[in-house]
Amino acid sequence: IAVTLGASTVFLLAIVRLGQYVAEQSAEPALPWLVALTGVAFTAAAVAAMRSVRRMDELERHMHAEAMAFAFLCSVLIIATYTFMKVAGLEAPPVDVLLPAMMSCWAVGVLLAFRRYR
């Protein structure tokens, strides 16, 4: 679990930094290719995650399923709150915080499941 959380943290930080770079270099002619690279990175991460799940035993799969359910529900709450804040004309946090918040929800879900079953 520590390796998974560590790899997810590194991936998240790399994507955030890449997003900052893209925002700073908006006039760069190679920018569309760089943006496409993020899609490739997300696809590679999804493939790696699915391979990792296939190698897990039944208990680990159950723990990750609970973590994903927790993360999904937290993400729905975050996005609904964000949407209602926008509709109400309130100051909402920037969209940039949604992905880190969703990944953080998954990490909390993994830690809760790990604590529950170990």
Protein backbone atom coordinates (compact mmCIF):
# COMPACT_ATOMS: atom_id res chain seq x y z
CA ILE A 1 0.00 0.00 0.00
CA ALA A 2 2.87 2.38 0.78
CA VAL A 3 4.29 1.88 -2.73
CA THR A 4 0.89 2.58 -4.30
CA LEU A 5 0.38 5.74 -2.23
CA GLY A 6 3.94 6.89 -2.94
CA ALA A 7 3.60 6.32 -6.68
CA SER A 8 0.24 8.11 -6.70
CA THR A 9 1.76 11.07 -4.86
CA VAL A 10 4.66 11.32 -7.30
CA PHE A 11 2.28 11.05 -10.26
CA LEU A 12 -0.01 13.72 -8.82
CA LEU A 13 2.87 16.10 -8.16
CA ALA A 14 4.23 15.55 -11.67
CA ILE A 15 0.84 16.25 -13.25
CA VAL A 16 0.36 19.39 -11.14
CA ARG A 17 3.82 20.65 -12.09
CA LEU A 18 3.17 19.88 -15.75
CA GLY A 19 -0.08 21.84 -15.54
CA GLN A 20 1.77 24.80 -14.05
CA TYR A 21 4.34 24.62 -16.82
CA VAL A 22 1.63 24.51 -19.50
CA ALA A 23 -0.05 27.56 -17.94
CA GLU A 24 3.26 29.47 -17.90
CA GLN A 25 4.21 28.53 -21.47
CA SER A 26 0.89 29.19 -23.22
CA ALA A 27 2.62 30.59 -26.34
CA GLU A 28 4.88 27.57 -26.81
CA PRO A 29 4.29 25.95 -30.27
CA ALA A 30 4.81 22.41 -28.93
CA LEU A 31 2.18 22.93 -26.22
CA PRO A 32 -0.52 20.74 -27.84
CA TRP A 33 1.90 17.81 -27.83
CA LEU A 34 2.77 18.44 -24.22
CA VAL A 35 -0.92 18.52 -23.30
CA ALA A 36 -1.42 15.25 -25.22
CA LEU A 37 1.38 13.80 -23.11
CA THR A 38 -0.79 14.19 -20.01
CA GLY A 39 -3.42 12.00 -21.66
CA VAL A 40 -0.76 9.39 -22.32
CA ALA A 41 0.39 9.67 -18.69
CA PHE A 42 -3.14 9.20 -17.36
CA THR A 43 -3.67 6.21 -19.66
CA ALA A 44 -0.40 4.65 -18.49
CA ALA A 45 -1.40 5.22 -14.87
CA ALA A 46 -4.80 3.59 -15.47
CA VAL A 47 -3.18 0.56 -17.13
CA ALA A 48 -0.65 0.25 -14.30
CA ALA A 49 -3.44 0.50 -11.71
CA MET A 50 -5.49 -2.22 -13.40
CA ARG A 51 -2.45 -4.51 -13.63
CA SER A 52 -1.79 -3.89 -9.96
CA VAL A 53 -5.37 -4.82 -9.07
CA ARG A 54 -5.10 -8.08 -11.05
CA ARG A 55 -2.07 -9.09 -8.98
CA MET A 56 -3.82 -8.48 -5.64
CA ASP A 57 -5.27 -11.20 -3.49
CA GLU A 58 -8.96 -11.21 -2.55
CA LEU A 59 -8.53 -9.18 0.65
CA GLU A 60 -6.47 -6.49 -1.06
CA ARG A 61 -9.02 -6.25 -3.86
CA HIS A 62 -11.79 -5.87 -1.30
CA MET A 63 -9.84 -3.14 0.50
CA HIS A 64 -9.26 -1.23 -2.74
CA ALA A 65 -12.89 -1.64 -3.76
CA GLU A 66 -13.92 -0.05 -0.46
CA ALA A 67 -11.37 2.71 -0.96
CA MET A 68 -12.68 3.40 -4.47
CA ALA A 69 -16.28 3.49 -3.22
CA PHE A 70 -15.24 5.93 -0.50
CA ALA A 71 -13.32 8.04 -3.02
CA PHE A 72 -16.23 8.04 -5.46
CA LEU A 73 -18.70 9.19 -2.83
CA CYS A 74 -16.32 11.87 -1.53
CA SER A 75 -15.70 13.03 -5.11
CA VAL A 76 -19.44 13.30 -5.74
CA LEU A 77 -19.78 15.43 -2.60
CA ILE A 78 -16.84 17.62 -3.59
CA ILE A 79 -18.09 18.16 -7.14
CA ALA A 80 -21.69 18.79 -6.00
CA THR A 81 -20.51 21.31 -3.42
CA TYR A 82 -18.29 22.99 -6.00
CA THR A 83 -21.19 23.18 -8.48
CA PHE A 84 -23.62 24.57 -5.92
CA MET A 85 -21.04 27.19 -4.88
CA LYS A 86 -20.68 28.27 -8.52
CA VAL A 87 -24.46 28.36 -9.08
CA ALA A 88 -24.97 30.38 -5.90
CA GLY A 89 -22.33 32.86 -7.01
CA LEU A 90 -20.05 32.06 -4.11
CA GLU A 91 -16.29 32.00 -4.33
CA ALA A 92 -15.40 28.41 -5.26
CA PRO A 93 -11.91 26.97 -5.13
CA PRO A 94 -10.13 26.67 -8.47
CA VAL A 95 -10.82 23.56 -10.53
CA ASP A 96 -7.15 22.63 -10.12
CA VAL A 97 -7.86 21.32 -6.61
CA LEU A 98 -10.42 18.72 -7.74
CA LEU A 99 -7.96 16.07 -8.93
CA PRO A 100 -5.74 16.29 -5.83
CA ALA A 101 -8.86 16.21 -3.65
CA MET A 102 -10.18 13.11 -5.41
CA MET A 103 -6.83 11.32 -5.14
CA SER A 104 -6.63 12.32 -1.49
CA CYS A 105 -10.07 10.81 -0.90
CA TRP A 106 -8.84 7.56 -2.44
CA ALA A 107 -5.72 7.62 -0.24
CA VAL A 108 -7.84 8.17 2.87
CA GLY A 109 -10.11 5.32 1.76
CA VAL A 110 -7.12 2.99 1.35
CA LEU A 111 -5.81 3.92 4.78
CA LEU A 112 -9.24 3.39 6.38
CA ALA A 113 -9.65 0.02 4.68
CA PHE A 114 -6.13 -1.01 5.64
CA ARG A 115 -6.79 -0.07 9.25
CA ARG A 116 -10.07 -1.96 9.25
CA TYR A 117 -8.75 -5.23 7.82
CA ARG A 118 -5.24 -5.45 9.26
